[in-house]
Amino acid sequence: MIFDFLSALHVPPNIHNDFWMVRQEKCVHLLFACFVTGFFLLLRQPLRTHVFRPIGRFIGVKQKEVIIKKYEYQVWLFTYYTSTFFVGMNIISKELFWGSPIFKEPRLHMWIDYPHCDHSALLGYYYLVQLGFYVEELCVLFYETRRSDFLQYVFHHAVTIVMIVGSYITCFNRVGVVIFVIHDFSDILLCFCKVCHYSNHQTTKTFFFALFALSFFITRLVVFPMIIYSIIFETVLFIPFNYVQWTVLVLLFALVFLHIFWFTLIMKMVFIALKAQKLESDIRSDDSD
């Protein structure tokens, strides 16, 4: 029965013109995300204990338990973001115009032929796995060690969940995949940088932190705002501006302000590191992280 349900994630082309029917179908698909959330909640601890911890001992993570748990969490995130980044890139290469959103033609291709109801099953799985993951991460924030930026991460995950659900139901799938990919890239570098920090590989950590800071600026504060620009000024060439775009814009601008806040902390850390000639910790997270 579950396999019959999963096979239905591909919206049939014969209902492409009935947008309301497509939305109803997609609302049913969201139930799959509940399964994904439960799967990740069950998977994360065995994976961290029996896979990530032995690897940590091998690469030199031999500190107190709280540091080991933080290392395991970063490897968990690194594994997930790396996987979704390459899957997202595969979807973009097959279903979208290949190119950076800083250029007009790739941006326009996010809106051409809207609504994009006849997407591939892979895109459907990708979207719902992302939703399930962020719901799981939101739940985890409340029972794991409290972060110093706890409220910012709760806000970030809540906004992300709302945007995933909204864009999936309303068939704004293409722009959603692009946003996922540009966010995943810098997250991969951040997670790897933290793993190097916990395993005491200082030179590698410094190098990847520099890459992370640069990629964060480019993807979150240059490319991401270009997508917002496209929603404001270029969607109207193909889609009448409506409440969906307004809602998305409000949420996207909220994320931009959060990115600016995080980037100021990143730059503060860069200045501290340049002054002290050493990267002590990641100021985006708790003090010992």
Protein backbone atom coordinates (compact mmCIF):
# COMPACT_ATOMS: atom_id res chain seq x y z
CA MET A 1 0.00 0.00 0.00
CA ILE A 2 2.80 2.41 0.91
CA PHE A 3 4.50 1.80 -2.45
CA ASP A 4 1.25 2.58 -4.28
CA PHE A 5 1.07 5.83 -2.35
CA LEU A 6 4.68 6.75 -3.14
CA SER A 7 4.21 6.04 -6.82
CA ALA A 8 1.39 8.59 -6.83
CA LEU A 9 3.79 11.41 -5.95
CA HIS A 10 4.12 12.13 -9.66
CA VAL A 11 1.14 14.32 -10.55
CA PRO A 12 -0.45 12.88 -13.72
CA PRO A 13 -0.32 15.20 -16.75
CA ASN A 14 -4.02 14.57 -17.46
CA ILE A 15 -5.00 16.77 -14.49
CA HIS A 16 -2.48 19.48 -15.35
CA ASN A 17 -5.21 21.93 -16.29
CA ASP A 18 -7.23 21.34 -13.15
CA PHE A 19 -5.09 23.32 -10.74
CA TRP A 20 -7.44 22.82 -7.81
CA MET A 21 -7.38 19.06 -8.23
CA VAL A 22 -3.59 19.19 -8.32
CA ARG A 23 -3.56 21.12 -5.06
CA GLN A 24 -5.80 18.52 -3.43
CA GLU A 25 -3.49 15.75 -4.62
CA LYS A 26 -0.46 17.58 -3.26
CA CYS A 27 -2.10 18.09 0.14
CA VAL A 28 -2.44 14.32 0.38
CA HIS A 29 1.22 13.95 -0.60
CA LEU A 30 2.21 16.00 2.46
CA LEU A 31 1.31 12.99 4.61
CA PHE A 32 4.45 11.34 3.25
CA ALA A 33 6.48 14.06 4.99
CA CYS A 34 5.15 12.79 8.34
CA PHE A 35 6.62 9.40 7.51
CA VAL A 36 9.94 11.04 6.60
CA THR A 37 10.00 12.98 9.88
CA GLY A 38 9.48 9.80 11.88
CA PHE A 39 12.11 7.99 9.82
CA PHE A 40 14.73 10.70 10.50
CA LEU A 41 13.87 10.79 14.21
CA LEU A 42 14.43 7.02 14.42
CA LEU A 43 17.53 7.03 12.20
CA ARG A 44 19.56 9.91 13.65
CA GLN A 45 20.55 8.44 17.02
CA PRO A 46 21.67 4.96 15.83
CA LEU A 47 23.56 6.57 12.97
CA ARG A 48 25.28 9.05 15.29
CA THR A 49 26.15 6.41 17.90
CA HIS A 50 27.21 3.48 15.72
CA VAL A 51 28.62 5.24 12.64
CA PHE A 52 29.57 8.86 13.30
CA ARG A 53 31.07 8.32 16.77
CA PRO A 54 33.56 5.61 15.67
CA ILE A 55 34.57 7.80 12.74
CA GLY A 56 35.05 10.66 15.18
CA ARG A 57 37.39 8.61 17.36
CA PHE A 58 39.37 7.67 14.24
CA ILE A 59 39.85 11.30 13.11
CA GLY A 60 40.74 12.55 16.60
CA VAL A 61 37.52 13.67 18.31
CA LYS A 62 38.42 12.62 21.85
CA GLN A 63 37.01 15.39 23.98
CA LYS A 64 34.22 15.49 26.55
CA GLU A 65 30.80 14.02 25.77
CA VAL A 66 29.13 17.34 24.94
CA ILE A 67 31.73 18.04 22.22
CA ILE A 68 31.36 14.53 20.81
CA LYS A 69 27.59 15.02 20.55
CA LYS A 70 28.08 18.30 18.73
CA TYR A 71 30.51 16.63 16.34
CA GLU A 72 27.96 13.85 15.66
CA TYR A 73 25.27 16.43 14.96
CA GLN A 74 27.45 18.27 12.46
CA VAL A 75 28.29 15.04 10.62
CA TRP A 76 24.57 14.26 10.52
CA LEU A 77 23.87 17.66 8.95
CA PHE A 78 26.86 17.38 6.61
CA THR A 79 25.63 14.00 5.35
CA TYR A 80 22.12 15.29 4.77
CA TYR A 81 23.02 18.61 3.12
CA THR A 82 25.58 16.99 0.85
CA SER A 83 23.05 14.40 -0.30
CA THR A 84 20.27 16.90 -0.94
CA PHE A 85 22.65 19.32 -2.67
CA PHE A 86 23.62 16.79 -5.32
CA VAL A 87 20.06 15.55 -5.75
CA GLY A 88 18.91 19.15 -6.15
CA MET A 89 21.62 19.84 -8.71
CA ASN A 90 20.52 16.74 -10.62
CA ILE A 91 16.91 17.98 -10.66
CA ILE A 92 17.98 21.43 -11.85
CA SER A 93 20.10 19.96 -14.64
CA LYS A 94 17.20 17.82 -15.89
CA GLU A 95 14.13 19.96 -15.26
CA LEU A 96 15.38 23.56 -15.26
CA PHE A 97 17.56 25.76 -17.41
CA TRP A 98 21.12 25.13 -16.24
CA GLY A 99 22.68 28.34 -14.96
CA SER A 100 22.99 30.74 -12.04
CA PRO A 101 19.98 32.80 -10.89
CA ILE A 102 22.16 35.91 -11.17
CA PHE A 103 21.52 35.68 -14.93
CA LYS A 104 18.15 36.53 -16.41
CA GLU A 105 17.49 33.48 -18.60
CA PRO A 106 17.86 30.88 -15.82
CA ARG A 107 15.64 33.06 -13.59
CA LEU A 108 12.92 33.35 -16.21
CA HIS A 109 12.91 29.59 -16.64
CA MET A 110 11.71 29.28 -13.04
CA TRP A 111 8.40 30.85 -14.09
CA ILE A 112 7.90 29.77 -17.72
CA ASP A 113 4.92 27.40 -18.22
CA TYR A 114 3.62 27.88 -14.69
CA PRO A 115 1.96 26.01 -12.95
CA HIS A 116 4.59 23.27 -12.95
CA CYS A 117 2.24 20.47 -11.98
CA ASP A 118 3.68 17.70 -14.15
CA HIS A 119 7.00 17.54 -12.34
CA SER A 120 9.00 14.34 -11.95
CA ALA A 121 8.53 11.90 -9.09
CA LEU A 122 12.11 12.67 -8.01
CA LEU A 123 11.23 16.32 -7.48
CA GLY A 124 8.20 15.26 -5.42
CA TYR A 125 10.31 12.97 -3.23
CA TYR A 126 12.97 15.68 -2.90
CA TYR A 127 10.48 18.29 -1.74
CA LEU A 128 8.74 16.04 0.77
CA VAL A 129 12.00 14.71 2.20
CA GLN A 130 13.12 18.31 2.71
CA LEU A 131 9.85 19.04 4.50
CA GLY A 132 10.18 15.98 6.70
CA PHE A 133 13.77 16.84 7.55
CA TYR A 134 13.03 20.41 8.62
CA VAL A 135 10.07 19.28 10.74
CA GLU A 136 12.40 16.75 12.39
CA GLU A 137 15.08 19.41 12.95
CA LEU A 138 12.51 21.76 14.47
CA CYS A 139 11.44 19.04 16.90
CA VAL A 140 15.06 18.24 17.79
CA LEU A 141 15.77 21.87 18.73
CA PHE A 142 13.47 21.50 21.73
CA TYR A 143 15.04 18.44 23.33
CA GLU A 144 18.75 18.68 22.48
CA THR A 145 21.26 21.03 24.13
CA ARG A 146 19.89 24.55 23.86
CA ARG A 147 21.75 26.75 21.38
CA SER A 148 22.51 30.42 21.98
CA ASP A 149 20.70 31.20 18.72
CA PHE A 150 17.78 28.89 19.54
CA LEU A 151 15.07 31.43 18.69
CA GLN A 152 16.68 32.31 15.35
CA TYR A 153 16.81 28.65 14.34
CA VAL A 154 13.22 28.03 15.44
CA PHE A 155 12.17 31.02 13.33
CA HIS A 156 14.29 29.85 10.37
CA HIS A 157 12.93 26.29 10.43
CA ALA A 158 9.31 27.45 10.91
CA VAL A 159 9.53 29.85 7.96
CA THR A 160 11.22 27.16 5.85
CA ILE A 161 8.47 24.64 6.63
CA VAL A 162 5.72 27.11 5.72
CA MET A 163 7.47 27.97 2.45
CA ILE A 164 8.03 24.33 1.52
CA VAL A 165 4.37 23.46 2.09
CA GLY A 166 3.11 26.57 0.30
CA SER A 167 5.39 26.29 -2.72
CA TYR A 168 4.71 22.57 -3.11
CA ILE A 169 0.93 22.92 -3.01
CA THR A 170 0.90 25.92 -5.36
CA CYS A 171 3.38 24.26 -7.76
CA PHE A 172 6.20 26.79 -7.38
CA ASN A 173 8.55 23.82 -7.47
CA ARG A 174 11.32 25.13 -9.67
CA VAL A 175 12.19 28.18 -7.60
CA GLY A 176 11.93 26.03 -4.48
CA VAL A 177 14.59 23.62 -5.71
CA VAL A 178 16.93 26.50 -6.62
CA ILE A 179 16.53 28.03 -3.15
CA PHE A 180 17.24 24.67 -1.52
CA VAL A 181 20.45 24.21 -3.51
CA ILE A 182 21.91 27.66 -2.87
CA HIS A 183 21.27 27.26 0.86
CA ASP A 184 22.65 23.73 1.08
CA PHE A 185 26.00 24.67 -0.45
CA SER A 186 27.18 26.99 2.32
CA ASP A 187 25.71 24.69 4.98
CA ILE A 188 27.92 21.86 3.72
CA LEU A 189 31.02 24.00 4.18
CA LEU A 190 29.94 25.16 7.63
CA CYS A 191 29.32 21.62 8.85
CA PHE A 192 32.67 20.42 7.52
CA CYS A 193 34.39 23.39 9.14
CA LYS A 194 32.86 22.46 12.51
CA VAL A 195 33.90 18.83 12.11
CA CYS A 196 37.47 20.03 11.57
CA HIS A 197 37.15 22.21 14.66
CA TYR A 198 36.04 19.31 16.87
CA SER A 199 38.77 17.02 15.48
CA ASN A 200 41.40 19.74 16.04
CA HIS A 201 42.44 20.13 12.40
CA GLN A 202 43.09 23.85 12.67
CA THR A 203 44.58 24.58 9.25
CA THR A 204 41.79 22.74 7.41
CA LYS A 205 39.21 24.44 9.61
CA THR A 206 40.58 27.90 8.80
CA PHE A 207 40.57 27.19 5.08
CA PHE A 208 36.99 25.88 5.02
CA PHE A 209 35.74 28.66 7.26
CA ALA A 210 37.06 31.17 4.72
CA LEU A 211 35.26 29.26 1.96
CA PHE A 212 32.11 29.14 4.05
CA ALA A 213 32.13 32.89 4.74
CA LEU A 214 32.63 33.66 1.05
CA SER A 215 29.97 31.17 -0.10
CA PHE A 216 27.51 32.44 2.52
CA PHE A 217 27.88 35.99 1.22
CA ILE A 218 27.53 34.96 -2.43
CA THR A 219 24.64 32.50 -2.07
CA ARG A 220 22.63 34.12 0.74
CA LEU A 221 23.25 37.84 0.16
CA VAL A 222 23.78 38.02 -3.62
CA VAL A 223 22.10 35.08 -5.39
CA PHE A 224 19.18 34.74 -2.97
CA PRO A 225 18.17 38.43 -3.27
CA MET A 226 18.30 38.03 -7.07
CA ILE A 227 15.60 35.37 -6.75
CA ILE A 228 13.52 37.81 -4.69
CA TYR A 229 14.08 40.42 -7.40
CA SER A 230 12.82 37.91 -9.96
CA ILE A 231 9.68 37.20 -7.92
CA ILE A 232 8.90 40.92 -7.73
CA PHE A 233 9.70 42.02 -11.27
CA GLU A 234 9.84 38.95 -13.53
CA THR A 235 7.04 36.64 -12.42
CA VAL A 236 4.50 39.18 -13.72
CA LEU A 237 5.68 38.36 -17.25
CA PHE A 238 4.15 34.89 -16.86
CA ILE A 239 1.93 34.89 -13.74
CA PRO A 240 -0.55 37.51 -12.49
CA PHE A 241 0.75 38.81 -9.17
CA ASN A 242 -1.38 37.43 -6.35
CA TYR A 243 -1.47 36.65 -2.64
CA VAL A 244 0.90 33.69 -3.07
CA GLN A 245 3.73 35.89 -4.30
CA TRP A 246 3.08 38.47 -1.57
CA THR A 247 3.16 35.79 1.13
CA VAL A 248 6.34 34.27 -0.29
CA LEU A 249 7.99 37.68 -0.47
CA VAL A 250 7.27 38.42 3.18
CA LEU A 251 8.83 35.09 4.23
CA LEU A 252 11.80 35.46 1.90
CA PHE A 253 12.56 38.96 3.18
CA ALA A 254 12.39 37.59 6.72
CA LEU A 255 15.05 35.04 5.75
CA VAL A 256 17.19 37.76 4.17
CA PHE A 257 17.19 39.73 7.43
CA LEU A 258 18.13 36.56 9.29
CA HIS A 259 20.96 35.97 6.80
CA ILE A 260 22.20 39.53 7.32
CA PHE A 261 22.17 38.99 11.08
CA TRP A 262 24.14 35.75 10.72
CA PHE A 263 26.59 37.31 8.31
CA THR A 264 27.37 40.11 10.75
CA LEU A 265 28.24 37.44 13.32
CA ILE A 266 30.37 35.61 10.76
CA MET A 267 32.27 38.81 9.95
CA LYS A 268 32.69 39.52 13.66
CA MET A 269 34.31 36.13 13.99
CA VAL A 270 36.54 36.81 10.98
CA PHE A 271 37.79 40.04 12.55
CA ILE A 272 38.39 38.28 15.87
CA ALA A 273 40.27 35.49 14.06
CA LEU A 274 42.40 37.96 12.13
CA LYS A 275 43.23 39.75 15.34
CA ALA A 276 43.98 36.60 17.31
CA GLN A 277 45.30 34.61 14.31
CA LYS A 278 43.13 31.72 15.37
CA LEU A 279 39.58 30.48 14.80
CA GLU A 280 38.31 29.61 18.26
CA SER A 281 34.70 28.71 17.53
CA ASP A 282 31.72 29.37 15.30
CA ILE A 283 29.93 32.41 16.65
CA ARG A 284 26.76 31.42 14.77
CA SER A 285 26.21 28.68 17.32
CA ASP A 286 26.64 28.24 21.06
CA ASP A 287 29.83 29.39 22.75
CA SER A 288 31.53 25.98 22.87
CA ASP A 289 30.38 24.97 19.40
